[in-house]
N, C-alpha and C. Protein backbone atom coordinates (compact mmCIF):
# COMPACT_ATOMS: atom_id res chain seq x y z
N UNK A 1 76.15 87.27 102.72
CA UNK A 1 76.76 87.74 103.83
C UNK A 1 76.75 86.84 105.01
N UNK A 2 77.96 86.73 105.63
CA UNK A 2 78.09 85.75 106.77
C UNK A 2 77.41 86.26 107.97
N UNK A 3 76.71 85.58 108.89
CA UNK A 3 76.18 85.98 109.93
C UNK A 3 77.09 85.59 111.14
N UNK A 4 76.78 86.15 112.37
CA UNK A 4 77.76 86.08 113.41
C UNK A 4 78.05 84.46 113.76
N UNK A 5 79.15 84.16 113.87
CA UNK A 5 79.71 82.66 114.21
C UNK A 5 79.72 81.80 113.16
N UNK A 6 79.68 82.34 111.88
CA UNK A 6 79.93 81.43 110.58
C UNK A 6 81.35 81.44 110.49
N UNK A 7 81.54 80.20 109.89
CA UNK A 7 83.04 79.75 109.66
C UNK A 7 83.26 79.83 108.10
N UNK A 8 84.59 79.95 107.72
CA UNK A 8 85.26 79.76 106.44
C UNK A 8 86.57 79.19 106.68
N UNK A 9 87.04 78.75 105.53
CA UNK A 9 88.49 78.30 105.44
C UNK A 9 89.45 79.35 105.07
N UNK A 10 90.54 79.59 105.68
CA UNK A 10 91.51 80.47 105.50
C UNK A 10 92.35 79.88 104.27
N UNK A 11 93.48 80.32 103.88
CA UNK A 11 94.42 79.84 102.89
C UNK A 11 95.12 78.59 103.34
N UNK A 12 95.47 78.60 104.65
CA UNK A 12 96.03 77.45 105.19
C UNK A 12 95.34 76.39 105.66
N UNK A 13 93.73 76.32 105.40
CA UNK A 13 92.96 75.18 105.66
C UNK A 13 92.53 75.28 106.94
N UNK A 14 92.77 76.25 108.03
CA UNK A 14 92.36 76.20 109.11
C UNK A 14 90.82 76.87 109.28
N UNK A 15 90.13 76.71 110.18
CA UNK A 15 88.87 77.40 110.13
C UNK A 15 89.03 78.80 110.81
N UNK A 16 88.32 79.64 110.40
CA UNK A 16 88.39 81.06 110.91
C UNK A 16 87.09 81.41 110.95
N UNK A 17 86.67 82.07 112.35
CA UNK A 17 85.52 82.67 112.72
C UNK A 17 85.40 84.10 112.26
N UNK A 18 84.41 84.43 111.57
CA UNK A 18 84.09 85.75 111.24
C UNK A 18 83.12 86.62 112.14
N UNK A 19 83.75 87.49 112.70
CA UNK A 19 82.95 88.43 113.72
C UNK A 19 82.62 87.39 115.02
N UNK A 20 83.35 86.42 115.02
CA UNK A 20 83.43 85.50 116.36
C UNK A 20 84.26 85.78 117.60
N UNK A 21 84.35 85.00 118.43
CA UNK A 21 85.18 85.14 119.49
C UNK A 21 86.49 85.09 119.20
N UNK A 22 87.24 84.32 118.32
CA UNK A 22 88.68 84.16 117.99
C UNK A 22 88.81 83.71 116.52
N UNK A 23 90.00 83.85 116.20
CA UNK A 23 90.49 83.43 114.67
C UNK A 23 91.63 82.79 115.07
N UNK A 24 91.84 81.56 114.19
CA UNK A 24 92.95 80.76 114.16
C UNK A 24 93.82 81.28 112.96
N UNK A 25 95.11 81.52 113.27
CA UNK A 25 96.00 81.77 112.33
C UNK A 25 97.24 80.72 112.05
N UNK A 26 97.94 80.88 111.18
CA UNK A 26 99.07 80.35 110.83
C UNK A 26 100.06 80.81 111.88
N UNK A 27 100.85 79.84 112.37
CA UNK A 27 101.83 80.45 113.48
C UNK A 27 103.09 80.64 112.49
N UNK A 28 103.62 81.97 112.58
CA UNK A 28 104.84 82.49 111.82
C UNK A 28 106.14 82.14 112.75
N UNK A 29 106.81 81.37 112.21
CA UNK A 29 108.14 80.97 112.82
C UNK A 29 109.21 82.05 112.30
N UNK A 30 109.93 82.48 113.33
CA UNK A 30 110.93 83.43 112.85
C UNK A 30 112.03 82.70 112.07
N UNK A 31 112.55 83.56 111.05
CA UNK A 31 113.60 82.77 110.32
C UNK A 31 114.87 83.07 110.99
N UNK A 32 115.88 82.02 110.99
CA UNK A 32 117.01 82.25 111.56
C UNK A 32 118.07 82.97 111.03
N UNK A 33 117.75 83.35 109.54
CA UNK A 33 118.63 84.17 108.82
C UNK A 33 118.40 85.52 108.99
N UNK A 34 117.13 85.93 109.51
CA UNK A 34 116.77 87.36 109.79
C UNK A 34 117.34 87.89 110.93
N UNK A 35 117.90 89.03 110.69
CA UNK A 35 118.62 89.69 111.90
C UNK A 35 117.76 90.66 112.67
N UNK A 36 117.89 90.71 113.72
CA UNK A 36 116.96 91.69 114.58
C UNK A 36 117.21 93.05 114.07
N UNK A 37 116.28 93.70 113.92
CA UNK A 37 116.26 95.05 113.50
C UNK A 37 115.96 96.18 114.49
N UNK A 38 116.66 97.18 114.35
CA UNK A 38 116.72 98.31 115.53
C UNK A 38 116.00 99.38 114.99
N UNK A 39 115.07 99.76 115.69
CA UNK A 39 114.09 100.93 115.40
C UNK A 39 114.30 102.14 116.43
N UNK A 40 114.22 103.21 115.93
CA UNK A 40 114.10 104.28 116.89
C UNK A 40 112.95 104.65 117.27
N UNK A 41 112.92 104.99 118.76
CA UNK A 41 111.67 105.23 119.22
C UNK A 41 111.40 106.61 119.47
N UNK A 42 110.44 107.33 119.15
CA UNK A 42 110.49 108.56 119.27
C UNK A 42 109.90 109.08 120.64
N UNK A 43 110.66 109.62 121.57
CA UNK A 43 110.29 109.85 122.89
C UNK A 43 109.81 111.41 122.91
N UNK A 44 108.49 111.50 123.16
CA UNK A 44 107.99 112.88 123.22
C UNK A 44 107.07 112.79 124.60
N UNK A 45 106.98 113.94 125.20
CA UNK A 45 106.15 114.17 126.50
C UNK A 45 104.59 114.03 126.01
N UNK A 46 103.88 113.39 127.00
CA UNK A 46 102.44 113.30 126.88
C UNK A 46 101.74 114.61 126.96
N UNK A 47 101.41 115.34 126.09
CA UNK A 47 100.95 117.07 126.10
C UNK A 47 99.85 116.95 126.95
N UNK A 48 98.91 116.05 126.82
CA UNK A 48 97.61 116.30 127.63
C UNK A 48 97.89 116.15 129.28
N UNK A 49 98.79 115.10 129.49
CA UNK A 49 99.35 115.23 130.95
C UNK A 49 99.93 116.37 131.37
N UNK A 50 100.74 117.03 130.71
CA UNK A 50 101.33 118.20 130.93
C UNK A 50 100.29 119.44 130.99
N UNK A 51 99.19 119.39 129.99
CA UNK A 51 98.10 120.51 130.19
C UNK A 51 97.38 120.41 131.41
N UNK A 52 97.04 119.14 131.84
CA UNK A 52 96.17 118.85 133.04
C UNK A 52 96.88 119.21 134.23
N UNK A 53 98.13 118.71 134.29
CA UNK A 53 98.89 119.22 135.43
C UNK A 53 99.17 120.65 135.81
N UNK A 54 99.39 121.38 134.61
CA UNK A 54 99.58 122.76 134.82
C UNK A 54 98.34 123.32 135.08
N UNK A 55 97.07 122.95 134.68
CA UNK A 55 96.01 123.40 134.94
C UNK A 55 95.72 123.31 136.60
N UNK A 56 95.94 122.17 136.96
CA UNK A 56 95.39 121.86 138.35
C UNK A 56 96.63 122.62 139.20
N UNK A 57 97.82 122.72 138.98
CA UNK A 57 98.57 123.45 139.86
C UNK A 57 98.13 124.80 139.78
N UNK A 58 97.75 125.32 138.52
CA UNK A 58 97.52 126.77 138.56
C UNK A 58 96.09 127.13 139.35
N UNK A 59 95.22 126.14 139.31
CA UNK A 59 93.81 126.20 139.96
C UNK A 59 94.22 126.50 141.82
N UNK A 60 95.07 125.45 142.08
CA UNK A 60 95.58 125.29 143.52
C UNK A 60 96.30 126.65 143.88
N UNK A 61 97.22 127.20 142.96
CA UNK A 61 97.93 128.46 143.52
C UNK A 61 96.96 129.43 143.41
N UNK A 62 96.01 129.67 142.38
CA UNK A 62 95.04 130.76 142.45
C UNK A 62 94.30 130.71 143.63
N UNK A 63 93.69 129.54 143.86
CA UNK A 63 92.71 129.36 145.07
C UNK A 63 93.46 129.78 146.52
N UNK A 64 94.79 129.41 146.52
CA UNK A 64 95.73 129.67 147.91
C UNK A 64 95.79 131.24 147.76
N UNK A 65 96.17 131.94 146.72
CA UNK A 65 96.40 133.22 146.64
C UNK A 65 95.20 133.93 147.00
N UNK A 66 93.98 133.44 146.66
CA UNK A 66 92.77 134.32 146.99
C UNK A 66 92.25 134.09 148.36
N UNK A 67 92.69 132.76 148.87
CA UNK A 67 92.26 132.41 150.34
C UNK A 67 93.02 133.19 151.26
N UNK A 68 94.41 133.59 151.08
CA UNK A 68 95.34 134.00 151.98
C UNK A 68 95.16 135.64 151.84
N UNK A 69 95.00 136.04 150.51
CA UNK A 69 94.68 137.62 150.55
C UNK A 69 93.54 137.98 151.28
N UNK A 70 93.72 139.16 151.94
CA UNK A 70 92.75 139.62 152.88
C UNK A 70 91.40 140.35 152.08
N UNK A 71 90.33 140.42 152.46
CA UNK A 71 89.14 141.10 151.82
C UNK A 71 89.21 142.61 152.18
N UNK A 72 89.01 143.19 151.02
CA UNK A 72 89.08 144.58 151.17
C UNK A 72 87.81 145.13 151.46
N UNK A 73 87.55 146.23 152.46
CA UNK A 73 86.28 146.53 152.96
C UNK A 73 85.42 146.99 151.88
N UNK A 74 86.00 147.40 150.57
CA UNK A 74 85.21 148.16 149.85
C UNK A 74 84.70 147.16 148.61
N UNK A 75 85.23 145.88 148.78
CA UNK A 75 85.08 144.76 147.73
C UNK A 75 83.38 144.52 147.50
N UNK A 76 83.21 144.47 146.33
CA UNK A 76 81.77 144.08 145.81
C UNK A 76 81.62 142.56 145.64
N UNK A 77 82.62 141.89 145.87
CA UNK A 77 82.66 140.37 145.54
C UNK A 77 82.86 139.59 146.84
N UNK A 78 82.33 138.52 146.75
CA UNK A 78 82.45 137.69 148.16
C UNK A 78 83.77 137.02 148.02
N UNK A 79 84.05 136.20 149.28
CA UNK A 79 85.35 135.55 149.17
C UNK A 79 85.39 134.49 148.42
N UNK A 80 84.39 133.82 148.15
CA UNK A 80 84.44 132.60 147.26
C UNK A 80 84.33 132.82 145.70
N UNK A 81 83.83 133.94 145.53
CA UNK A 81 83.92 134.63 144.03
C UNK A 81 85.29 135.04 143.78
N UNK A 82 85.90 135.50 144.60
CA UNK A 82 87.41 135.90 144.38
C UNK A 82 88.23 134.61 144.34
N UNK A 83 88.03 133.67 145.03
CA UNK A 83 88.77 132.52 144.97
C UNK A 83 88.50 131.78 143.51
N UNK A 84 87.32 131.79 143.16
CA UNK A 84 86.96 131.20 141.80
C UNK A 84 87.69 131.89 140.71
N UNK A 85 87.63 133.41 140.71
CA UNK A 85 88.01 134.11 139.85
C UNK A 85 89.60 133.82 139.69
N UNK A 86 90.22 133.91 140.84
CA UNK A 86 91.84 133.76 140.72
C UNK A 86 91.97 132.21 140.28
N UNK A 87 91.28 131.33 140.71
CA UNK A 87 91.59 129.70 140.24
C UNK A 87 91.33 129.72 138.74
N UNK A 88 90.34 130.38 138.10
CA UNK A 88 90.29 130.34 136.72
C UNK A 88 91.45 131.06 136.03
N UNK A 89 91.88 132.14 136.36
CA UNK A 89 92.93 132.93 135.98
C UNK A 89 94.31 132.16 135.87
N UNK A 90 94.53 131.82 137.01
CA UNK A 90 95.63 130.89 137.28
C UNK A 90 95.85 129.68 136.68
N UNK A 91 94.61 128.99 136.67
CA UNK A 91 94.42 127.89 135.97
C UNK A 91 95.03 127.95 134.42
N UNK A 92 94.36 129.11 133.83
CA UNK A 92 94.60 129.22 132.33
C UNK A 92 96.13 129.52 132.26
N UNK A 93 96.57 130.47 133.04
CA UNK A 93 98.03 130.74 133.10
C UNK A 93 98.95 129.14 133.14
N UNK A 94 98.55 128.40 134.12
CA UNK A 94 99.14 127.37 134.34
C UNK A 94 99.07 126.30 133.23
N UNK A 95 98.08 126.23 132.36
CA UNK A 95 97.88 125.47 131.14
C UNK A 95 98.85 126.04 130.11
N UNK A 96 98.93 127.40 130.16
CA UNK A 96 99.71 128.11 129.06
C UNK A 96 101.26 127.75 129.36
N UNK A 97 101.67 127.69 130.69
CA UNK A 97 103.01 127.55 131.08
C UNK A 97 103.44 126.18 130.85
N UNK A 98 102.46 125.40 131.12
CA UNK A 98 102.85 123.54 131.05
C UNK A 98 102.87 123.45 129.54
N UNK A 99 102.03 124.14 128.41
CA UNK A 99 102.26 123.83 127.08
C UNK A 99 103.55 124.28 126.60
N UNK A 100 104.06 125.50 127.03
CA UNK A 100 105.32 125.86 126.76
C UNK A 100 106.43 125.08 127.15
N UNK A 101 106.41 124.63 128.37
CA UNK A 101 107.47 123.56 129.05
C UNK A 101 107.28 122.24 128.23
N UNK A 102 106.11 121.86 127.88
CA UNK A 102 106.02 120.44 127.18
C UNK A 102 106.71 120.74 125.53
N UNK A 103 106.47 121.84 125.04
CA UNK A 103 107.00 122.21 123.73
C UNK A 103 108.66 122.17 124.04
N UNK A 104 109.01 122.76 125.08
CA UNK A 104 110.57 122.91 125.13
C UNK A 104 111.26 121.31 125.37
N UNK A 105 110.62 120.61 126.15
CA UNK A 105 110.89 119.16 126.46
C UNK A 105 111.28 118.61 125.37
N UNK A 106 109.91 118.54 124.33
CA UNK A 106 109.87 117.99 123.31
C UNK A 106 110.82 118.19 122.09
N UNK A 107 111.22 119.46 122.21
CA UNK A 107 112.31 120.12 121.19
C UNK A 107 113.69 119.48 121.61
N UNK A 108 113.91 119.46 123.13
CA UNK A 108 115.00 118.93 123.47
C UNK A 108 115.15 117.32 123.45
N UNK A 109 114.18 116.72 123.44
CA UNK A 109 114.40 115.25 123.33
C UNK A 109 114.38 114.70 121.82
N UNK A 110 113.91 115.76 120.83
CA UNK A 110 114.09 115.36 119.41
C UNK A 110 115.54 115.67 119.12
N UNK A 111 116.24 116.76 119.71
CA UNK A 111 117.45 117.23 119.25
C UNK A 111 118.59 115.90 119.71
N UNK A 112 118.27 115.44 120.81
CA UNK A 112 119.14 114.15 121.17
C UNK A 112 119.11 112.96 120.19
N UNK A 113 118.13 112.89 119.54
CA UNK A 113 117.98 111.64 118.62
C UNK A 113 118.87 111.82 117.62
């Protein structure tokens, strides 16, 4: 078994480092006869970005609603508890809405191709 930094010869006769810093490879020259190929790129939304954005917007909306809403005199919860409750509920709803929007955008994008 080769240790770090050992060298060997590759088929082209050039030295190659195993587990080393760099490898020397044969340079591949493009053929003049080869035509450029066209590939379709699948464009899809980044689902994680949609979910995080929806959650953050939901938390902000929930906290704003709880902060603007007045305290009921018979409420057993503090103001900060109600802000946290609304932030969690609206954050979850924001993630759900963002997931639905991301699925719709993906469906529309794949239909165009």
